[in-house]
Each structure stands twice: as C-alpha cells, then as structure tokens.
C-alpha cells in the first residue's frame, strides 16, 4: 500500500529507508527542484539534507563505520533502480504523483583494498544511493555528494547489504583519485601513491569503529555460500 504525502510536507520519511545502512540518517529533508528548470534541458539536481549517526566528514569515523574501503575503476553505468514508492500531491493539490528513491547501478573493478578483502581485478556491481528520476527530469543526491563517472578511479566506502551486495551512500562515499603529471589513474602504483589513497590508509589505521552488526559481501574473497 502506497503512502500519500503532500508536497508541502518537506519531511519525507520514505527517504530514511534508503539511508538505514551504515551512516544512517536520523532525519531527512528534501529540497524540491525549481519547476521552471524542469521544462527542458539538463536534469535539475535535488539535494537531500540528512543527519547521520557518524560524522561523514571525519575520515576515521566514516572508515570505521563502513564495511569496505577500496580503490576501484568505474567500468560502466548499468541503469537505475527505483525503491520505496510514495504518492505526493502536486503543488496545486490537484494531482498525485509517484516519488521513488533512485539508485544508480555500476560495474566497477577493484584495484586495491584498504579495508576488507573484495576480489581484485574482476568487474563487480555496486549501487549508489541517488540518481536520475523515472521521468528523467531530476537527479536526487545527498548534499555534498556526487555520482561516480565512468572511466574514473575512486576510493569507495561501501556497506554490505542484506543480500551481500555493496552500496555507497552519502557524502564522501566515492572520492575521486585525481591524477596529475605522469600519474595514471588506472595504474595500481599511482593509485597507492595518490594523496586520496594515503589519506584513507591513515584513516583506516586510526579508524573509529562503531559497534553494529556486520556481514560479509558476496564479493569478498572470504565469502562462503
């Protein structure tokens, strides 16, 4: 059964569902897009404001909370999935529309592990919370968050989902490794030499672990069926 909300009610409990893993949001607010921007052109970006259980801007706290920290290349984007549908009224109260939590799916190749032991050198899926709406008019993301781009290399901070898959969500869940000079982003050696990688290694060595139930990803080398 779908829940009915009004657009004027800016507290969207449905968004909480997508954030309940790891650095879970305890309050989520949704800033609607400017309707004038939805008449054509590029999708409008909607930003979700959230309060987190851990400080997502403290690398040691965030690394200590997630299940996996690793460097990986984004091979391709495979599409979007839409979860937790709710119905809201339009701004005139004349029509109801369906709103869902968009998730963007990627195939990535792990280059090196910092925390955890995911398979290296194989293309595996990862899900990013946020992405393009069903109608293609808006992209919903957390504040200070961005979608990974194909061909680039990132430090990913991921949580294991109940089905063993991996999800990244919120600020600093994908940190781009920026190459410079003779460094090549797809070189494992240059990845380990990058400032972004070294910062995460330091965060891992000083991680602030939050006690919670943890599960092993099915893409972990230690996973057993």
C-alpha atoms as a PDB file:
ATOM      1  CA  UNK A   1       0.000   0.000   0.000  1.00  0.00           C
ATOM      2  CA  UNK A   2       1.405   3.377  -1.016  1.00  0.00           C
ATOM      3  CA  UNK A   3       1.529   6.275   1.398  1.00  0.00           C
ATOM      4  CA  UNK A   4       0.142   9.669   0.474  1.00  0.00           C
ATOM      5  CA  UNK A   5       2.091  12.823   1.321  1.00  0.00           C
ATOM      6  CA  UNK A   6       1.551  16.435   0.382  1.00  0.00           C
ATOM      7  CA  UNK A   7       4.314  18.300  -1.399  1.00  0.00           C
ATOM      8  CA  UNK A   8       4.193  20.981   1.286  1.00  0.00           C
ATOM      9  CA  UNK A   9       5.256  18.435   3.866  1.00  0.00           C
ATOM     10  CA  UNK A  10       9.034  18.603   3.463  1.00  0.00           C
ATOM     11  CA  UNK A  11       9.801  15.754   5.848  1.00  0.00           C
ATOM     12  CA  UNK A  12       9.958  12.589   3.790  1.00  0.00           C
ATOM     13  CA  UNK A  13      10.215   9.505   5.955  1.00  0.00           C
ATOM     14  CA  UNK A  14      10.480   7.328   2.858  1.00  0.00           C
ATOM     15  CA  UNK A  15      13.928   8.746   2.153  1.00  0.00           C
ATOM     16  CA  UNK A  16      15.049   7.388   5.503  1.00  0.00           C
ATOM     17  CA  UNK A  17      14.645   3.841   4.247  1.00  0.00           C
ATOM     18  CA  UNK A  18      17.390   4.264   1.663  1.00  0.00           C
ATOM     19  CA  UNK A  19      19.793   5.507   4.303  1.00  0.00           C
ATOM     20  CA  UNK A  20      19.313   2.985   7.064  1.00  0.00           C
ATOM     21  CA  UNK A  21      22.548   1.153   6.293  1.00  0.00           C
ATOM     22  CA  UNK A  22      25.760   2.266   7.948  1.00  0.00           C
ATOM     23  CA  UNK A  23      25.934   6.001   8.444  1.00  0.00           C
ATOM     24  CA  UNK A  24      22.167   6.107   8.697  1.00  0.00           C
ATOM     25  CA  UNK A  25      20.210   9.308   8.527  1.00  0.00           C
ATOM     26  CA  UNK A  26      18.076  10.065  11.549  1.00  0.00           C
ATOM     27  CA  UNK A  27      16.296  12.915   9.815  1.00  0.00           C
ATOM     28  CA  UNK A  28      15.915  13.570   6.114  1.00  0.00           C
ATOM     29  CA  UNK A  29      14.669  16.718   4.433  1.00  0.00           C
ATOM     30  CA  UNK A  30      14.007  17.097   0.743  1.00  0.00           C
ATOM     31  CA  UNK A  31      14.545  20.328  -1.182  1.00  0.00           C
ATOM     32  CA  UNK A  32      12.249  20.225  -4.229  1.00  0.00           C
ATOM     33  CA  UNK A  33      13.526  21.310  -7.617  1.00  0.00           C
ATOM     34  CA  UNK A  34      12.644  24.606  -9.224  1.00  0.00           C
ATOM     35  CA  UNK A  35       9.764  23.733 -11.538  1.00  0.00           C
ATOM     36  CA  UNK A  36      10.983  26.280 -14.074  1.00  0.00           C
ATOM     37  CA  UNK A  37      14.081  24.164 -14.559  1.00  0.00           C
ATOM     38  CA  UNK A  38      12.059  21.077 -15.437  1.00  0.00           C
ATOM     39  CA  UNK A  39      10.708  22.357 -18.735  1.00  0.00           C
ATOM     40  CA  UNK A  40      13.675  21.093 -20.717  1.00  0.00           C
ATOM     41  CA  UNK A  41      17.428  20.838 -20.844  1.00  0.00           C
ATOM     42  CA  UNK A  42      19.612  19.197 -18.238  1.00  0.00           C
ATOM     43  CA  UNK A  43      18.030  17.423 -15.255  1.00  0.00           C
ATOM     44  CA  UNK A  44      17.589  19.544 -12.153  1.00  0.00           C
ATOM     45  CA  UNK A  45      19.558  18.380  -9.111  1.00  0.00           C
ATOM     46  CA  UNK A  46      17.590  17.904  -5.887  1.00  0.00           C
ATOM     47  CA  UNK A  47      19.607  17.777  -2.683  1.00  0.00           C
ATOM     48  CA  UNK A  48      18.641  15.678   0.336  1.00  0.00           C
ATOM     49  CA  UNK A  49      19.667  17.138   3.699  1.00  0.00           C
ATOM     50  CA  UNK A  50      20.405  14.469   6.280  1.00  0.00           C
ATOM     51  CA  UNK A  51      21.697  13.994   9.803  1.00  0.00           C
ATOM     52  CA  UNK A  52      23.988  10.997  10.209  1.00  0.00           C
ATOM     53  CA  UNK A  53      24.840   8.638  13.035  1.00  0.00           C
ATOM     54  CA  UNK A  54      28.541   9.131  12.292  1.00  0.00           C
ATOM     55  CA  UNK A  55      30.469  12.198  11.164  1.00  0.00           C
ATOM     56  CA  UNK A  56      30.722  11.596   7.426  1.00  0.00           C
ATOM     57  CA  UNK A  57      33.239  14.428   7.178  1.00  0.00           C
ATOM     58  CA  UNK A  58      35.603  12.714   9.618  1.00  0.00           C
ATOM     59  CA  UNK A  59      37.518  10.104   7.566  1.00  0.00           C
ATOM     60  CA  UNK A  60      38.427   7.989  10.615  1.00  0.00           C
ATOM     61  CA  UNK A  61      34.777   7.851  11.742  1.00  0.00           C
ATOM     62  CA  UNK A  62      33.435   7.080   8.280  1.00  0.00           C
ATOM     63  CA  UNK A  63      36.066   4.436   7.539  1.00  0.00           C
ATOM     64  CA  UNK A  64      35.345   2.858  10.915  1.00  0.00           C
ATOM     65  CA  UNK A  65      31.648   2.649  10.137  1.00  0.00           C
ATOM     66  CA  UNK A  66      31.673   1.198   6.622  1.00  0.00           C
ATOM     67  CA  UNK A  67      32.384  -2.425   5.763  1.00  0.00           C
ATOM     68  CA  UNK A  68      34.737  -1.849   2.843  1.00  0.00           C
ATOM     69  CA  UNK A  69      37.154   0.831   1.700  1.00  0.00           C
ATOM     70  CA  UNK A  70      38.820   0.277  -1.650  1.00  0.00           C
ATOM     71  CA  UNK A  71      40.115   1.876  -4.822  1.00  0.00           C
ATOM     72  CA  UNK A  72      38.218   0.949  -7.970  1.00  0.00           C
ATOM     73  CA  UNK A  73      37.751   1.997 -11.566  1.00  0.00           C
ATOM     74  CA  UNK A  74      34.210   2.622 -12.801  1.00  0.00           C
ATOM     75  CA  UNK A  75      33.687   0.383 -15.835  1.00  0.00           C
ATOM     76  CA  UNK A  76      30.130   1.287 -16.768  1.00  0.00           C
ATOM     77  CA  UNK A  77      26.789   2.526 -15.512  1.00  0.00           C
ATOM     78  CA  UNK A  78      24.176  -0.191 -15.915  1.00  0.00           C
ATOM     79  CA  UNK A  79      20.981   1.699 -15.112  1.00  0.00           C
ATOM     80  CA  UNK A  80      18.778   2.830 -12.263  1.00  0.00           C
ATOM     81  CA  UNK A  81      16.522   1.071  -9.805  1.00  0.00           C
ATOM     82  CA  UNK A  82      13.627   2.772  -8.032  1.00  0.00           C
ATOM     83  CA  UNK A  83      12.655   1.849  -4.490  1.00  0.00           C
ATOM     84  CA  UNK A  84      10.212   2.819  -1.726  1.00  0.00           C
ATOM     85  CA  UNK A  85       7.475   4.494  -3.820  1.00  0.00           C
ATOM     86  CA  UNK A  86       5.197   7.056  -2.190  1.00  0.00           C
ATOM     87  CA  UNK A  87       2.476   9.273  -3.598  1.00  0.00           C
ATOM     88  CA  UNK A  88       2.576  13.056  -3.127  1.00  0.00           C
ATOM     89  CA  UNK A  89       0.274  15.845  -4.244  1.00  0.00           C
ATOM     90  CA  UNK A  90       1.472  18.360  -6.792  1.00  0.00           C
ATOM     91  CA  UNK A  91       1.907  21.983  -5.742  1.00  0.00           C
ATOM     92  CA  UNK A  92      -1.692  22.763  -6.668  1.00  0.00           C
ATOM     93  CA  UNK A  93      -3.138  19.829  -4.744  1.00  0.00           C
ATOM     94  CA  UNK A  94      -4.935  18.636  -7.868  1.00  0.00           C
ATOM     95  CA  UNK A  95      -2.897  15.603  -8.793  1.00  0.00           C
ATOM     96  CA  UNK A  96      -0.881  12.906  -7.078  1.00  0.00           C
ATOM     97  CA  UNK A  97       2.437  11.747  -8.424  1.00  0.00           C
ATOM     98  CA  UNK A  98       4.686   8.844  -7.518  1.00  0.00           C
ATOM     99  CA  UNK A  99       8.056   9.618  -5.973  1.00  0.00           C
ATOM    100  CA  UNK A 100      10.692   6.930  -5.517  1.00  0.00           C
ATOM    101  CA  UNK A 101      14.210   6.638  -4.178  1.00  0.00           C
ATOM    102  CA  UNK A 102      16.501   6.401  -7.173  1.00  0.00           C
ATOM    103  CA  UNK A 103      19.633   4.258  -7.047  1.00  0.00           C
ATOM    104  CA  UNK A 104      22.321   4.185  -9.734  1.00  0.00           C
ATOM    105  CA  UNK A 105      23.988   0.898 -10.593  1.00  0.00           C
ATOM    106  CA  UNK A 106      27.581   0.492 -11.757  1.00  0.00           C
ATOM    107  CA  UNK A 107      30.080  -2.176 -12.654  1.00  0.00           C
ATOM    108  CA  UNK A 108      33.465  -1.456 -11.098  1.00  0.00           C
ATOM    109  CA  UNK A 109      36.867  -3.147 -10.983  1.00  0.00           C
ATOM    110  CA  UNK A 110      38.568  -3.167  -7.593  1.00  0.00           C
ATOM    111  CA  UNK A 111      42.232  -2.156  -7.883  1.00  0.00           C
ATOM    112  CA  UNK A 112      43.248  -2.339  -4.242  1.00  0.00           C
ATOM    113  CA  UNK A 113      41.660  -2.898  -0.841  1.00  0.00           C
ATOM    114  CA  UNK A 114      42.226  -0.679   2.184  1.00  0.00           C
ATOM    115  CA  UNK A 115      39.572  -2.209   4.442  1.00  0.00           C
ATOM    116  CA  UNK A 116      38.115  -5.621   3.696  1.00  0.00           C
ATOM    117  CA  UNK A 117      39.100  -8.107   1.009  1.00  0.00           C
ATOM    118  CA  UNK A 118      36.992  -7.717  -2.092  1.00  0.00           C
ATOM    119  CA  UNK A 119      38.008  -9.598  -5.218  1.00  0.00           C
ATOM    120  CA  UNK A 120      40.604  -7.624  -7.179  1.00  0.00           C
ATOM    121  CA  UNK A 121      40.722  -7.311 -10.946  1.00  0.00           C
ATOM    122  CA  UNK A 122      37.169  -8.521 -11.582  1.00  0.00           C
ATOM    123  CA  UNK A 123      34.204  -6.377 -12.554  1.00  0.00           C
ATOM    124  CA  UNK A 124      31.611  -6.397  -9.753  1.00  0.00           C
ATOM    125  CA  UNK A 125      28.392  -4.414  -9.214  1.00  0.00           C
ATOM    126  CA  UNK A 126      27.920  -1.576  -6.765  1.00  0.00           C
ATOM    127  CA  UNK A 127      24.830   0.515  -6.044  1.00  0.00           C
ATOM    128  CA  UNK A 128      24.931   4.245  -5.389  1.00  0.00           C
ATOM    129  CA  UNK A 129      22.084   5.832  -3.425  1.00  0.00           C
ATOM    130  CA  UNK A 130      20.782   8.663  -5.587  1.00  0.00           C
ATOM    131  CA  UNK A 131      20.378   9.260  -9.279  1.00  0.00           C
ATOM    132  CA  UNK A 132      18.049  10.096 -12.128  1.00  0.00           C
ATOM    133  CA  UNK A 133      14.302  10.096 -11.565  1.00  0.00           C
ATOM    134  CA  UNK A 134      11.970   7.884 -13.591  1.00  0.00           C
ATOM    135  CA  UNK A 135      10.833  10.802 -15.721  1.00  0.00           C
ATOM    136  CA  UNK A 136      14.416  11.909 -16.365  1.00  0.00           C
ATOM    137  CA  UNK A 137      13.773  15.421 -15.072  1.00  0.00           C
ATOM    138  CA  UNK A 138      15.662  15.383 -11.786  1.00  0.00           C
ATOM    139  CA  UNK A 139      18.726  13.878 -10.157  1.00  0.00           C
ATOM    140  CA  UNK A 140      18.445  13.365  -6.405  1.00  0.00           C
ATOM    141  CA  UNK A 141      21.613  13.334  -4.300  1.00  0.00           C
ATOM    142  CA  UNK A 142      22.663  13.970  -0.734  1.00  0.00           C
ATOM    143  CA  UNK A 143      24.182  17.349  -0.008  1.00  0.00           C
ATOM    144  CA  UNK A 144      27.893  17.425  -0.906  1.00  0.00           C
ATOM    145  CA  UNK A 145      27.563  14.166  -2.803  1.00  0.00           C
ATOM    146  CA  UNK A 146      28.132  13.255  -6.447  1.00  0.00           C
ATOM    147  CA  UNK A 147      27.637  10.330  -8.792  1.00  0.00           C
ATOM    148  CA  UNK A 148      30.699   8.355  -9.924  1.00  0.00           C
ATOM    149  CA  UNK A 149      31.710   8.841 -13.555  1.00  0.00           C
ATOM    150  CA  UNK A 150      32.597   6.040 -15.940  1.00  0.00           C
ATOM    151  CA  UNK A 151      36.326   5.687 -16.585  1.00  0.00           C
ATOM    152  CA  UNK A 152      37.405   7.424 -13.403  1.00  0.00           C
ATOM    153  CA  UNK A 153      39.025   5.881 -10.332  1.00  0.00           C
ATOM    154  CA  UNK A 154      37.634   6.450  -6.847  1.00  0.00           C
ATOM    155  CA  UNK A 155      38.113   5.479  -3.258  1.00  0.00           C
ATOM    156  CA  UNK A 156      34.788   3.829  -2.426  1.00  0.00           C
ATOM    157  CA  UNK A 157      33.429   3.463   1.110  1.00  0.00           C
ATOM    158  CA  UNK A 158      30.755   0.807   0.972  1.00  0.00           C
ATOM    159  CA  UNK A 159      28.260  -1.024   3.159  1.00  0.00           C
ATOM    160  CA  UNK A 160      27.217  -4.633   2.717  1.00  0.00           C
ATOM    161  CA  UNK A 161      23.514  -5.025   2.021  1.00  0.00           C
ATOM    162  CA  UNK A 162      21.410  -7.925   3.393  1.00  0.00           C
ATOM    163  CA  UNK A 163      21.718  -9.736   0.045  1.00  0.00           C
ATOM    164  CA  UNK A 164      25.512  -9.446   0.074  1.00  0.00           C
ATOM    165  CA  UNK A 165      25.727  -6.663  -2.494  1.00  0.00           C
ATOM    166  CA  UNK A 166      27.522  -3.362  -1.954  1.00  0.00           C
ATOM    167  CA  UNK A 167      26.025   0.099  -1.573  1.00  0.00           C
ATOM    168  CA  UNK A 168      27.660   3.501  -1.355  1.00  0.00           C
ATOM    169  CA  UNK A 169      25.631   6.353   0.040  1.00  0.00           C
ATOM    170  CA  UNK A 170      26.100   9.968   1.040  1.00  0.00           C
ATOM    171  CA  UNK A 171      28.977  12.447   1.172  1.00  0.00           C
ATOM    172  CA  UNK A 172      32.495  11.027   0.815  1.00  0.00           C
ATOM    173  CA  UNK A 173      31.263   7.600  -0.230  1.00  0.00           C
ATOM    174  CA  UNK A 174      33.083   7.938  -3.557  1.00  0.00           C
ATOM    175  CA  UNK A 175      36.208  10.104  -3.544  1.00  0.00           C
ATOM    176  CA  UNK A 176      37.812  10.659  -6.918  1.00  0.00           C
ATOM    177  CA  UNK A 177      41.514   9.939  -7.254  1.00  0.00           C
ATOM    178  CA  UNK A 178      42.768  12.858  -9.290  1.00  0.00           C
ATOM    179  CA  UNK A 179      45.791  12.057 -11.448  1.00  0.00           C
ATOM    180  CA  UNK A 180      48.424  14.685 -12.185  1.00  0.00           C
ATOM    181  CA  UNK A 181      51.633  14.842 -14.193  1.00  0.00           C
ATOM    182  CA  UNK A 182      52.844  11.367 -15.131  1.00  0.00           C
ATOM    183  CA  UNK A 183      50.418   9.574 -12.793  1.00  0.00           C
ATOM    184  CA  UNK A 184      47.759   7.482 -14.463  1.00  0.00           C
ATOM    185  CA  UNK A 185      44.518   6.886 -12.596  1.00  0.00           C
ATOM    186  CA  UNK A 186      44.219   3.295 -13.840  1.00  0.00           C
ATOM    187  CA  UNK A 187      47.699   2.368 -12.625  1.00  0.00           C
ATOM    188  CA  UNK A 188      47.655   0.487  -9.317  1.00  0.00           C
ATOM    189  CA  UNK A 189      51.006   2.011  -8.381  1.00  0.00           C
ATOM    190  CA  UNK A 190      49.815   5.571  -8.954  1.00  0.00           C
ATOM    191  CA  UNK A 191      46.601   4.854  -7.033  1.00  0.00           C
ATOM    192  CA  UNK A 192      48.613   3.833  -3.974  1.00  0.00           C
ATOM    193  CA  UNK A 193      50.767   6.943  -4.323  1.00  0.00           C
ATOM    194  CA  UNK A 194      47.832   9.334  -4.541  1.00  0.00           C
ATOM    195  CA  UNK A 195      47.014  11.703  -1.699  1.00  0.00           C
ATOM    196  CA  UNK A 196      43.431  10.432  -1.621  1.00  0.00           C
ATOM    197  CA  UNK A 197      44.573   6.839  -1.134  1.00  0.00           C
ATOM    198  CA  UNK A 198      47.150   7.708   1.519  1.00  0.00           C
ATOM    199  CA  UNK A 199      44.564   9.758   3.406  1.00  0.00           C
ATOM    200  CA  UNK A 200      42.215   6.773   3.536  1.00  0.00           C
ATOM    201  CA  UNK A 201      45.023   4.464   4.657  1.00  0.00           C
ATOM    202  CA  UNK A 202      45.725   6.857   7.514  1.00  0.00           C
ATOM    203  CA  UNK A 203      42.009   6.977   8.341  1.00  0.00           C
ATOM    204  CA  UNK A 204      41.884   3.177   8.378  1.00  0.00           C
ATOM    205  CA  UNK A 205      44.876   2.987  10.719  1.00  0.00           C
ATOM    206  CA  UNK A 206      43.079   5.393  13.059  1.00  0.00           C
ATOM    207  CA  UNK A 207      39.502   4.308  12.411  1.00  0.00           C
ATOM    208  CA  UNK A 208      36.780   4.929  14.959  1.00  0.00           C
ATOM    209  CA  UNK A 209      34.754   1.733  14.895  1.00  0.00           C
ATOM    210  CA  UNK A 210      31.022   1.902  15.576  1.00  0.00           C
ATOM    211  CA  UNK A 211      29.691  -1.294  17.061  1.00  0.00           C
ATOM    212  CA  UNK A 212      26.981  -2.742  14.855  1.00  0.00           C
ATOM    213  CA  UNK A 213      26.085  -5.989  13.145  1.00  0.00           C
ATOM    214  CA  UNK A 214      28.241  -6.588  10.090  1.00  0.00           C
ATOM    215  CA  UNK A 215      28.027  -9.033   7.217  1.00  0.00           C
ATOM    216  CA  UNK A 216      30.472 -10.149   4.554  1.00  0.00           C
ATOM    217  CA  UNK A 217      29.830  -9.156   0.952  1.00  0.00           C
ATOM    218  CA  UNK A 218      29.383 -11.932  -1.567  1.00  0.00           C
ATOM    219  CA  UNK A 219      32.193 -10.247  -3.493  1.00  0.00           C
ATOM    220  CA  UNK A 220      34.574 -10.746  -0.581  1.00  0.00           C
ATOM    221  CA  UNK A 221      37.286 -13.372  -1.128  1.00  0.00           C
ATOM    222  CA  UNK A 222      36.249 -14.912   2.206  1.00  0.00           C
ATOM    223  CA  UNK A 223      32.577 -15.214   1.303  1.00  0.00           C
ATOM    224  CA  UNK A 224      31.105 -18.683   1.724  1.00  0.00           C
ATOM    225  CA  UNK A 225      27.735 -19.698   0.289  1.00  0.00           C
END
